[in-house]
Amino acid sequence: MVICGRMNSTPIRVRFAPSPTGYLHVGGARTALFNWLLARNTGGVFVLRIEDTDLERSSGEMTQVILNSLRWLGINWDEGPYHQAERSSLHIQNAEQLLKLGRAYRCFCSSEELERKRRAAAEQKQAWIYDRACLCLSEEQAQAKLRAGVPSVLRFRVPDSGETVFQDIIQGEIRFENRLIEDFVLVRSDGAPTYHLSVVADDIDMRISHIIRGADHISNTPKQVLLYQALGRPVPLLGHLSLILGPDKKRLSKRHGATSVEHYREQGILPEAMVNYLALLGWSPGGDQEVFNIEEMVQKFDLSRVNKANAVFDPAKLEWINAQHIQRMDSGRLAAEVRSLLQKSGMLEASFAADESTMQSALNLLRARCKTLNDFITWGRAFFVDQFAIDPSGREKYLRNRVAVAALVDLATRYQTAPEFSLESTERILRDLAAEKNLKAGDLIGAARVAVTGNAVAPGLFEVLLYLGRERTVSRLKAAAEQP
């Protein structure tokens, strides 16, 4: 029986090791965050390692996207980024050591032969693992095949019996029967080291004390524990984070919508909100608090409060947390973010809110109702430019009443000729006109709101009118009344 015990290491050294074959997924970002929080909470070291040994699928472009996503989230690294593909000589040294120790052997079975055996087992409805056909070869026989140029791989020799057991600091004790673990490949026939060999060799070399990763890696763990033991090295503390599920309780995937950090950034999610929400996917800080800044998360983070149950990703909850962070956001930074979005959307030159004072007035009106940064440009478009569409539901609810629409023309005229255009006067004029027309004040307020903002739901109408000013208000009221 091989048991993975606890390991004392000062300082704690953790790593995040993404594969650059795609964007930084929500699950990967959470793994990076939990490792980073552990390092920052304990004064440890956070190592970034790019596992780019899959040369066909890895790309420099994706590596850069991952690095940019981590930087955007504020997850900075103390060492790295190391590139695993550049470290193959170290990996091969470890393989050669295992071969000398008798814990690895050469396998000359062809891929065609192995596939034939797999198919035969499948036809018998039996599971198949490598049958150790080459384990019985003598050293002389193996050398003869090598001299003859017969392609070979290097396999790890798994113990014949017993169990590999490790104490997962999140999931608890996990056991695997050794007889069910295949003699896995360490070095391929082209001389390239495999994932299991590379990751263990790198973690040993980088003195990683804690390996915190997703639960999808649990099946890999017994092989890696056996490698540590065979190399005579202590096994790091192991912790496997629960899976992240979609609202339908199935594993989060593209069918649930956006799954990458980059996509949520494009949707107007703030980095501090994304980090806040990711932290709550499997971690219980205690108490009722749900909105945290990064300093609070670092201070409170503790692996003992990470749950083993799967977490459910709720986009609505993410938007709620994002809205809370927008409320807390520094006004200058928020203005800069919105101005940048105006520029990207081609609206900045047409914006009447480009100057700092007008921008801040718009943000003060919109901030409480915007869940994402993009909402300022989509839902709040009328607060920045004069060209905006009227929401069909708002038109149907308020602008189908011809009496109310006709009253908009009268309202525009009264606003245009009023001695003053103030918060009090705009409300008094509207309510007096509604009474004269035998309209409910709420109906006329609704019609005016849709006319000047394009939406049935908006900040207080009279605050909006004062922000827009007399001229723009009059123009918009008339334009709405003239539309079919």
Protein backbone atom coordinates (compact mmCIF):
# COMPACT_ATOMS: atom_id res chain seq x y z
CA MET A 1 0.00 0.00 0.00
CA VAL A 2 1.35 3.44 -0.98
CA ILE A 3 -0.09 6.29 1.04
CA CYS A 4 0.32 9.95 0.22
CA GLY A 5 0.89 11.75 3.50
CA ARG A 6 1.25 15.36 4.49
CA MET A 7 4.31 17.29 3.52
CA ASN A 8 5.93 20.13 5.44
CA SER A 9 7.35 22.87 3.23
CA THR A 10 8.25 26.47 3.92
CA PRO A 11 7.21 28.47 2.11
CA ILE A 12 4.19 26.89 0.49
CA ARG A 13 4.80 26.57 -3.25
CA VAL A 14 1.84 26.11 -5.58
CA ARG A 15 1.52 26.13 -9.34
CA PHE A 16 -1.00 26.73 -12.06
CA ALA A 17 -0.21 24.76 -15.21
CA PRO A 18 -2.60 25.51 -18.10
CA SER A 19 -2.39 23.90 -21.50
CA PRO A 20 -2.35 26.57 -24.25
CA THR A 21 -4.80 24.78 -26.49
CA GLY A 22 -7.68 27.20 -25.89
CA TYR A 23 -8.91 30.16 -23.86
CA LEU A 24 -8.70 30.29 -20.08
CA HIS A 25 -11.83 28.39 -19.06
CA VAL A 26 -13.85 29.33 -15.98
CA GLY A 27 -12.69 26.12 -14.27
CA GLY A 28 -9.05 26.84 -15.01
CA ALA A 29 -9.41 30.40 -13.77
CA ARG A 30 -10.88 29.15 -10.49
CA THR A 31 -7.98 26.70 -10.10
CA ALA A 32 -5.50 29.50 -10.70
CA LEU A 33 -7.33 31.74 -8.24
CA PHE A 34 -7.46 29.18 -5.42
CA ASN A 35 -3.75 28.46 -5.80
CA TRP A 36 -2.99 32.18 -5.88
CA LEU A 37 -5.15 32.88 -2.81
CA LEU A 38 -3.42 30.08 -0.91
CA ALA A 39 0.00 31.47 -1.79
CA ARG A 40 -0.94 35.02 -0.87
CA ASN A 41 -2.68 34.01 2.35
CA THR A 42 0.35 32.02 3.56
CA GLY A 43 3.15 34.15 2.16
CA GLY A 44 3.92 31.37 -0.30
CA VAL A 45 5.03 31.25 -3.93
CA PHE A 46 2.74 31.04 -6.96
CA VAL A 47 4.41 29.41 -9.97
CA LEU A 48 3.04 29.64 -13.51
CA ARG A 49 3.92 26.80 -15.87
CA ILE A 50 2.67 26.48 -19.44
CA GLU A 51 2.17 22.81 -20.26
CA ASP A 52 2.75 23.09 -24.00
CA THR A 53 4.06 19.62 -24.78
CA ASP A 54 1.09 18.96 -27.09
CA LEU A 55 2.87 20.69 -29.96
CA GLU A 56 0.09 20.07 -32.49
CA ARG A 57 -2.62 21.76 -30.42
CA SER A 58 -0.62 24.30 -28.41
CA SER A 59 -0.06 27.79 -29.76
CA GLY A 60 1.83 30.89 -28.77
CA GLU A 61 -1.31 32.91 -29.42
CA MET A 62 -3.32 30.93 -26.88
CA THR A 63 -0.46 31.20 -24.38
CA GLN A 64 -0.65 34.98 -24.68
CA VAL A 65 -4.43 34.95 -24.30
CA ILE A 66 -4.11 32.92 -21.08
CA LEU A 67 -1.43 35.25 -19.72
CA ASN A 68 -3.57 38.28 -20.57
CA SER A 69 -6.61 36.74 -18.88
CA LEU A 70 -4.63 36.05 -15.70
CA ARG A 71 -3.25 39.60 -15.69
CA TRP A 72 -6.75 40.99 -16.20
CA LEU A 73 -8.00 38.99 -13.22
CA GLY A 74 -5.11 40.34 -11.15
CA ILE A 75 -3.57 36.87 -10.68
CA ASN A 76 0.13 37.67 -10.82
CA TRP A 77 2.83 35.02 -10.59
CA ASP A 78 6.05 34.93 -8.60
CA GLU A 79 7.92 32.54 -10.89
CA GLY A 80 7.57 31.72 -14.57
CA PRO A 81 6.00 31.40 -16.92
CA TYR A 82 7.99 28.22 -17.45
CA HIS A 83 7.38 26.36 -20.70
CA GLN A 84 7.23 22.61 -20.27
CA ALA A 85 8.23 21.97 -23.88
CA GLU A 86 11.62 23.54 -23.13
CA ARG A 87 12.28 21.19 -20.21
CA SER A 88 12.18 17.79 -21.95
CA SER A 89 15.82 16.99 -21.12
CA LEU A 90 14.94 17.09 -17.41
CA HIS A 91 11.95 14.83 -18.01
CA ILE A 92 14.07 12.29 -19.90
CA GLN A 93 16.66 12.26 -17.09
CA ASN A 94 13.91 11.18 -14.69
CA ALA A 95 12.80 8.47 -17.13
CA GLU A 96 16.35 7.14 -17.39
CA GLN A 97 16.58 7.06 -13.61
CA LEU A 98 13.41 4.98 -13.43
CA LEU A 99 14.81 2.62 -16.05
CA LYS A 100 18.00 2.14 -14.01
CA LEU A 101 15.99 1.53 -10.86
CA GLY A 102 13.99 -1.21 -12.57
CA ARG A 103 10.77 0.81 -12.26
CA ALA A 104 10.44 1.22 -16.04
CA TYR A 105 10.97 -1.02 -19.05
CA ARG A 106 11.03 -0.78 -22.82
CA CYS A 107 7.95 -1.84 -24.76
CA PHE A 108 8.27 -2.75 -28.44
CA CYS A 109 4.61 -3.52 -29.10
CA SER A 110 3.39 -1.73 -32.21
CA SER A 111 0.36 0.56 -32.11
CA GLU A 112 -1.36 -1.82 -34.55
CA GLU A 113 -0.79 -4.77 -32.24
CA LEU A 114 -2.09 -2.89 -29.22
CA GLU A 115 -5.17 -1.74 -31.13
CA ARG A 116 -5.88 -5.31 -32.22
CA LYS A 117 -5.82 -6.45 -28.57
CA ARG A 118 -8.12 -3.58 -27.55
CA ARG A 119 -10.65 -4.49 -30.23
CA ALA A 120 -10.55 -8.15 -29.25
CA ALA A 121 -11.26 -7.23 -25.63
CA ALA A 122 -14.05 -4.89 -26.67
CA GLU A 123 -15.69 -7.66 -28.68
CA GLN A 124 -15.68 -9.76 -25.52
CA LYS A 125 -17.09 -6.74 -23.63
CA GLN A 126 -14.01 -6.73 -21.42
CA ALA A 127 -11.89 -3.84 -20.24
CA TRP A 128 -8.31 -4.04 -21.44
CA ILE A 129 -5.08 -2.62 -20.08
CA TYR A 130 -1.60 -3.29 -21.38
CA ASP A 131 -0.78 -6.97 -20.80
CA ARG A 132 2.95 -6.48 -20.10
CA ALA A 133 3.91 -8.49 -23.16
CA CYS A 134 7.36 -6.84 -23.18
CA LEU A 135 8.03 -7.04 -19.46
CA CYS A 136 9.47 -10.54 -19.82
CA LEU A 137 12.09 -9.47 -22.38
CA SER A 138 15.66 -9.87 -21.15
CA GLU A 139 18.09 -6.98 -21.37
CA GLU A 140 19.83 -8.77 -24.25
CA GLN A 141 16.56 -9.16 -26.15
CA ALA A 142 15.64 -5.52 -25.60
CA GLN A 143 19.06 -4.31 -26.76
CA ALA A 144 18.85 -6.50 -29.85
CA LYS A 145 15.54 -4.92 -30.81
CA LEU A 146 16.96 -1.46 -30.23
CA ARG A 147 19.95 -2.23 -32.47
CA ALA A 148 17.56 -3.50 -35.10
CA GLY A 149 15.72 -0.18 -35.01
CA VAL A 150 12.44 -1.54 -33.66
CA PRO A 151 10.44 1.44 -32.34
CA SER A 152 9.82 1.39 -28.59
CA VAL A 153 8.24 3.32 -25.75
CA LEU A 154 9.26 3.42 -22.11
CA ARG A 155 6.60 2.17 -19.68
CA PHE A 156 6.37 2.56 -15.92
CA ARG A 157 6.06 -0.69 -14.00
CA VAL A 158 3.08 -0.42 -11.66
CA PRO A 159 3.23 -2.63 -8.52
CA ASP A 160 1.58 -6.01 -9.10
CA SER A 161 -0.72 -5.83 -6.10
CA GLY A 162 -1.90 -3.61 -3.28
CA GLU A 163 -3.40 -0.15 -3.43
CA THR A 164 -2.28 3.38 -4.09
CA VAL A 165 -3.97 5.56 -1.49
CA PHE A 166 -3.72 9.32 -1.09
CA GLN A 167 -5.28 11.68 1.40
CA ASP A 168 -6.92 14.42 -0.64
CA ILE A 169 -7.13 17.56 1.47
CA ILE A 170 -10.46 18.45 -0.17
CA GLN A 171 -12.06 15.16 -1.17
CA GLY A 172 -10.76 12.94 1.66
CA GLU A 173 -9.09 9.54 1.29
CA ILE A 174 -9.06 8.12 -2.25
CA ARG A 175 -7.99 4.55 -3.11
CA PHE A 176 -7.01 2.83 -6.35
CA GLU A 177 -6.25 -0.86 -6.82
CA ASN A 178 -2.85 -1.21 -8.47
CA ARG A 179 -4.00 -4.17 -10.58
CA LEU A 180 -6.37 -1.81 -12.39
CA ILE A 181 -3.65 0.72 -13.22
CA GLU A 182 -2.00 0.15 -16.57
CA ASP A 183 1.78 0.19 -17.01
CA PHE A 184 1.56 3.65 -18.52
CA VAL A 185 3.91 5.18 -21.07
CA LEU A 186 6.60 7.56 -19.84
CA VAL A 187 8.40 8.25 -23.12
CA ARG A 188 6.80 7.88 -26.55
CA SER A 189 8.42 6.17 -29.52
CA ASP A 190 9.51 9.56 -30.92
CA GLY A 191 11.40 10.28 -27.70
CA ALA A 192 8.85 12.76 -26.34
CA PRO A 193 8.02 12.53 -22.62
CA THR A 194 4.36 12.05 -21.70
CA TYR A 195 2.20 14.22 -19.47
CA HIS A 196 2.57 12.07 -16.35
CA LEU A 197 6.35 12.03 -16.49
CA SER A 198 6.66 15.71 -17.36
CA VAL A 199 4.32 17.00 -14.68
CA VAL A 200 5.94 14.98 -11.90
CA ALA A 201 9.47 15.87 -13.01
CA ASP A 202 8.57 19.56 -13.16
CA ASP A 203 6.75 19.58 -9.82
CA ILE A 204 9.76 17.93 -8.17
CA ASP A 205 12.19 20.35 -9.78
CA MET A 206 10.06 23.37 -8.87
CA ARG A 207 9.63 22.12 -5.28
CA ILE A 208 5.84 22.29 -5.44
CA SER A 209 4.42 21.60 -1.99
CA HIS A 210 0.67 21.69 -2.76
CA ILE A 211 -1.04 20.55 -5.95
CA ILE A 212 -4.52 22.09 -6.12
CA ARG A 213 -6.34 21.24 -9.34
CA GLY A 214 -9.70 20.13 -10.75
CA ALA A 215 -11.38 16.85 -9.85
CA ASP A 216 -11.01 15.72 -13.47
CA HIS A 217 -7.36 15.02 -12.57
CA ILE A 218 -8.18 12.49 -9.85
CA SER A 219 -7.82 9.58 -12.27
CA ASN A 220 -4.28 10.77 -13.11
CA THR A 221 -3.21 11.06 -9.50
CA PRO A 222 -2.38 7.41 -8.59
CA LYS A 223 0.04 7.20 -11.52
CA GLN A 224 1.74 10.38 -10.39
CA VAL A 225 1.86 9.28 -6.76
CA LEU A 226 3.58 6.07 -7.90
CA LEU A 227 6.11 8.11 -9.86
CA TYR A 228 6.99 10.24 -6.83
CA GLN A 229 7.46 7.10 -4.77
CA ALA A 230 9.57 5.37 -7.42
CA LEU A 231 11.82 8.42 -7.68
CA GLY A 232 12.18 8.51 -3.90
CA ARG A 233 10.55 11.93 -3.56
CA PRO A 234 7.88 13.09 -1.10
CA VAL A 235 4.42 13.49 -2.58
CA PRO A 236 3.04 17.04 -2.42
CA LEU A 237 -0.22 17.68 -0.61
CA LEU A 238 -3.00 16.98 -3.09
CA GLY A 239 -6.36 18.71 -3.33
CA HIS A 240 -8.92 18.28 -6.09
CA LEU A 241 -11.51 20.99 -6.61
CA SER A 242 -15.08 20.02 -7.37
CA LEU A 243 -16.46 20.28 -10.87
CA ILE A 244 -18.26 23.40 -12.06
CA LEU A 245 -21.74 22.62 -13.41
CA GLY A 246 -24.16 24.63 -15.48
CA PRO A 247 -27.63 25.58 -14.22
CA ASP A 248 -28.89 22.22 -15.57
CA LYS A 249 -26.43 20.45 -13.22
CA LYS A 250 -24.38 19.13 -16.15
CA ARG A 251 -20.73 19.93 -16.53
CA LEU A 252 -20.23 23.53 -17.66
CA SER A 253 -19.67 23.69 -21.42
CA LYS A 254 -20.30 25.89 -24.44
CA ARG A 255 -23.94 24.82 -24.53
CA HIS A 256 -24.42 26.93 -21.39
CA GLY A 257 -23.10 30.04 -23.15
CA ALA A 258 -19.82 31.78 -22.38
CA THR A 259 -17.30 29.59 -20.56
CA SER A 260 -14.03 31.51 -20.93
CA VAL A 261 -12.72 34.42 -18.92
CA GLU A 262 -12.15 36.36 -22.14
CA HIS A 263 -15.81 36.05 -23.12
CA TYR A 264 -17.01 37.38 -19.77
CA ARG A 265 -14.60 40.27 -20.08
CA GLU A 266 -16.14 41.08 -23.46
CA GLN A 267 -19.60 40.96 -21.87
CA GLY A 268 -18.68 43.75 -19.49
CA ILE A 269 -17.85 41.79 -16.35
CA LEU A 270 -15.34 43.52 -14.07
CA PRO A 271 -12.21 41.54 -13.13
CA GLU A 272 -12.84 42.01 -9.40
CA ALA A 273 -16.40 40.72 -9.83
CA MET A 274 -15.20 37.70 -11.81
CA VAL A 275 -12.63 36.88 -9.13
CA ASN A 276 -15.24 37.40 -6.40
CA TYR A 277 -17.69 35.03 -8.06
CA LEU A 278 -15.08 32.38 -8.93
CA ALA A 279 -13.97 32.34 -5.31
CA LEU A 280 -17.49 31.49 -4.19
CA LEU A 281 -17.63 28.47 -6.55
CA GLY A 282 -16.66 25.89 -3.98
CA TRP A 283 -15.28 28.08 -1.19
CA SER A 284 -17.31 29.10 1.86
CA PRO A 285 -15.82 32.16 3.55
CA GLY A 286 -18.29 31.91 6.43
CA GLY A 287 -21.04 34.37 7.35
CA ASP A 288 -23.48 36.08 5.02
CA GLN A 289 -21.03 38.27 3.12
CA GLU A 290 -20.95 37.59 -0.61
CA VAL A 291 -19.23 40.65 -2.05
CA PHE A 292 -15.50 40.80 -1.37
CA ASN A 293 -12.54 42.79 -2.55
CA ILE A 294 -9.34 40.91 -3.26
CA GLU A 295 -7.71 41.87 0.04
CA GLU A 296 -10.63 40.41 1.98
CA MET A 297 -10.48 37.18 -0.01
CA VAL A 298 -6.75 36.81 0.58
CA GLN A 299 -7.23 37.36 4.30
CA LYS A 300 -10.12 34.88 4.64
CA PHE A 301 -9.01 32.12 2.27
CA ASP A 302 -8.50 28.72 3.85
CA LEU A 303 -8.37 25.35 2.07
CA SER A 304 -10.29 23.77 4.95
CA ARG A 305 -13.35 25.78 3.84
CA VAL A 306 -13.24 24.52 0.23
CA ASN A 307 -16.22 22.23 -0.39
CA LYS A 308 -16.09 18.83 -2.03
CA ALA A 309 -19.59 19.22 -3.55
CA ASN A 310 -19.85 20.35 -7.17
CA ALA A 311 -20.46 24.05 -7.74
CA VAL A 312 -23.18 25.48 -10.01
CA PHE A 313 -22.28 28.42 -12.25
CA ASP A 314 -25.16 30.90 -12.23
CA PRO A 315 -24.75 33.75 -14.77
CA ALA A 316 -27.47 35.76 -13.02
CA LYS A 317 -25.54 35.60 -9.72
CA LEU A 318 -22.37 36.68 -11.52
CA GLU A 319 -24.22 39.69 -12.95
CA TRP A 320 -25.58 40.55 -9.50
CA ILE A 321 -22.09 40.49 -8.00
CA ASN A 322 -20.84 42.53 -10.95
CA ALA A 323 -23.54 45.13 -10.30
CA GLN A 324 -22.44 45.35 -6.67
CA HIS A 325 -18.86 46.02 -7.75
CA ILE A 326 -20.03 48.64 -10.25
CA GLN A 327 -21.76 50.38 -7.34
CA ARG A 328 -18.49 50.41 -5.40
CA MET A 329 -16.31 51.34 -8.36
CA ASP A 330 -14.21 54.49 -8.35
CA SER A 331 -15.97 57.14 -10.45
CA GLY A 332 -12.86 58.02 -12.43
CA ARG A 333 -12.17 54.42 -13.35
CA LEU A 334 -15.80 53.78 -14.28
CA ALA A 335 -15.79 56.84 -16.53
CA ALA A 336 -12.61 55.63 -18.23
CA GLU A 337 -14.12 52.17 -18.80
CA VAL A 338 -17.34 53.58 -20.27
CA ARG A 339 -15.43 56.05 -22.43
CA SER A 340 -13.34 53.16 -23.77
CA LEU A 341 -16.51 51.22 -24.65
CA LEU A 342 -17.95 54.29 -26.36
CA GLN A 343 -14.81 54.50 -28.45
CA LYS A 344 -14.86 50.80 -29.35
CA SER A 345 -18.50 51.01 -30.40
CA GLY A 346 -17.89 54.11 -32.55
CA MET A 347 -20.13 56.25 -30.34
CA LEU A 348 -17.53 58.48 -28.72
CA GLU A 349 -17.42 61.17 -31.42
CA ALA A 350 -21.21 61.41 -31.43
CA SER A 351 -21.45 61.43 -27.63
CA PHE A 352 -22.74 64.54 -25.94
CA ALA A 353 -21.42 63.13 -22.65
CA ALA A 354 -17.75 62.99 -23.62
CA ASP A 355 -16.64 65.71 -21.21
CA GLU A 356 -15.92 64.62 -17.65
CA SER A 357 -18.72 66.54 -15.94
CA THR A 358 -21.48 65.29 -18.25
CA MET A 359 -20.04 61.77 -18.16
CA GLN A 360 -20.17 61.71 -14.38
CA SER A 361 -23.76 62.95 -14.43
CA ALA A 362 -24.73 60.13 -16.79
CA LEU A 363 -22.95 57.55 -14.67
CA ASN A 364 -24.64 58.80 -11.51
CA LEU A 365 -28.02 58.19 -13.16
CA LEU A 366 -27.14 54.82 -14.72
CA ARG A 367 -24.84 53.20 -12.18
CA ALA A 368 -27.60 51.76 -9.97
CA ARG A 369 -29.33 50.02 -12.88
CA CYS A 370 -26.42 48.64 -14.90
CA LYS A 371 -25.38 45.05 -14.20
CA THR A 372 -22.46 45.05 -16.66
CA LEU A 373 -20.23 47.67 -18.24
CA ASN A 374 -21.88 46.90 -21.57
CA ASP A 375 -25.24 47.94 -20.12
CA PHE A 376 -24.01 51.53 -20.06
CA ILE A 377 -23.64 51.40 -23.84
CA THR A 378 -26.65 49.27 -24.73
CA TRP A 379 -29.36 49.89 -22.16
CA GLY A 380 -28.02 53.40 -21.43
CA ARG A 381 -27.28 54.43 -25.02
CA ALA A 382 -29.68 57.40 -24.95
CA PHE A 383 -27.63 58.98 -22.17
CA PHE A 384 -24.62 59.33 -24.48
CA VAL A 385 -25.87 59.81 -28.06
CA ASP A 386 -29.04 61.07 -29.72
CA GLN A 387 -29.41 58.13 -32.08
CA PHE A 388 -31.10 55.28 -30.21
CA ALA A 389 -33.82 52.74 -30.81
CA ILE A 390 -37.03 52.57 -28.81
CA ASP A 391 -37.56 49.23 -27.09
CA PRO A 392 -40.54 47.46 -28.72
CA SER A 393 -42.06 46.45 -25.39
CA GLY A 394 -41.85 50.03 -24.14
CA ARG A 395 -43.42 51.32 -27.33
CA GLU A 396 -46.22 48.77 -27.06
CA LYS A 397 -46.92 49.62 -23.44
CA TYR A 398 -46.79 53.44 -23.54
CA LEU A 399 -46.74 54.77 -27.09
CA ARG A 400 -49.84 52.96 -28.42
CA ASN A 401 -52.02 55.29 -26.34
CA ARG A 402 -52.69 58.06 -28.87
CA VAL A 403 -53.92 60.44 -26.20
CA ALA A 404 -50.64 60.05 -24.32
CA VAL A 405 -48.62 60.42 -27.53
CA ALA A 406 -50.50 63.60 -28.45
CA ALA A 407 -49.85 64.88 -24.96
CA LEU A 408 -46.11 64.46 -25.60
CA VAL A 409 -46.33 67.23 -28.21
CA ASP A 410 -48.06 69.53 -25.73
CA LEU A 411 -45.53 68.57 -23.08
CA ALA A 412 -42.67 69.45 -25.42
CA THR A 413 -44.23 72.84 -26.14
CA ARG A 414 -44.74 73.62 -22.45
CA TYR A 415 -41.19 72.59 -21.58
CA GLN A 416 -39.88 74.76 -24.42
CA THR A 417 -41.70 77.88 -23.22
CA ALA A 418 -41.46 77.33 -19.45
CA PRO A 419 -39.70 80.13 -17.54
CA GLU A 420 -37.45 77.57 -15.89
CA PHE A 421 -36.40 73.99 -16.56
CA SER A 422 -35.78 72.43 -13.16
CA LEU A 423 -36.51 69.23 -11.29
CA GLU A 424 -39.58 70.74 -9.67
CA SER A 425 -40.91 72.58 -12.72
CA THR A 426 -40.64 69.63 -15.13
CA GLU A 427 -42.63 67.41 -12.76
CA ARG A 428 -45.27 70.08 -12.07
CA ILE A 429 -45.77 70.80 -15.78
CA LEU A 430 -46.19 67.11 -16.60
CA ARG A 431 -48.64 66.41 -13.80
CA ASP A 432 -50.73 69.49 -14.61
CA LEU A 433 -50.88 68.44 -18.27
CA ALA A 434 -51.92 64.89 -17.37
CA ALA A 435 -54.76 66.23 -15.25
CA GLU A 436 -55.95 68.49 -18.06
CA LYS A 437 -55.92 65.60 -20.55
CA ASN A 438 -57.63 63.28 -18.07
CA LEU A 439 -54.59 60.98 -18.20
CA LYS A 440 -53.01 59.07 -15.38
CA ALA A 441 -49.78 60.81 -14.50
CA GLY A 442 -48.05 57.40 -14.55
CA ASP A 443 -49.07 56.82 -18.17
CA LEU A 444 -47.69 60.17 -19.30
CA ILE A 445 -44.53 59.66 -17.26
CA GLY A 446 -44.10 56.25 -18.90
CA ALA A 447 -44.64 57.66 -22.38
CA ALA A 448 -42.16 60.47 -21.74
CA ARG A 449 -39.60 58.06 -20.32
CA VAL A 450 -39.78 55.82 -23.38
CA ALA A 451 -39.58 58.88 -25.63
CA VAL A 452 -36.41 60.31 -24.09
CA THR A 453 -34.54 57.09 -23.14
CA GLY A 454 -35.96 54.41 -25.43
CA ASN A 455 -36.76 52.22 -22.41
CA ALA A 456 -39.77 51.71 -20.19
CA VAL A 457 -37.48 51.22 -17.20
CA ALA A 458 -34.97 53.98 -16.53
CA PRO A 459 -33.77 56.27 -13.75
CA GLY A 460 -36.23 58.84 -12.37
CA LEU A 461 -37.75 60.68 -15.32
CA PHE A 462 -37.30 64.20 -14.04
CA GLU A 463 -33.66 63.64 -13.10
CA VAL A 464 -33.16 62.31 -16.64
CA LEU A 465 -34.86 65.40 -18.17
CA LEU A 466 -32.63 67.69 -16.18
CA TYR A 467 -29.56 65.73 -17.33
CA LEU A 468 -30.64 65.88 -20.99
CA GLY A 469 -31.50 69.56 -20.81
CA ARG A 470 -34.39 71.54 -22.25
CA GLU A 471 -33.41 71.40 -25.93
CA ARG A 472 -32.67 67.67 -26.10
CA THR A 473 -35.78 66.82 -24.05
CA VAL A 474 -38.08 68.83 -26.33
CA SER A 475 -36.53 67.32 -29.45
CA ARG A 476 -36.92 63.74 -28.23
CA LEU A 477 -40.52 64.20 -27.09
CA LYS A 478 -41.51 65.58 -30.49
CA ALA A 479 -39.60 62.87 -32.37
CA ALA A 480 -41.35 60.09 -30.43
CA ALA A 481 -44.76 61.60 -31.09
CA GLU A 482 -44.05 61.75 -34.82
CA GLN A 483 -42.97 58.11 -35.14
CA PRO A 484 -45.63 55.73 -36.53
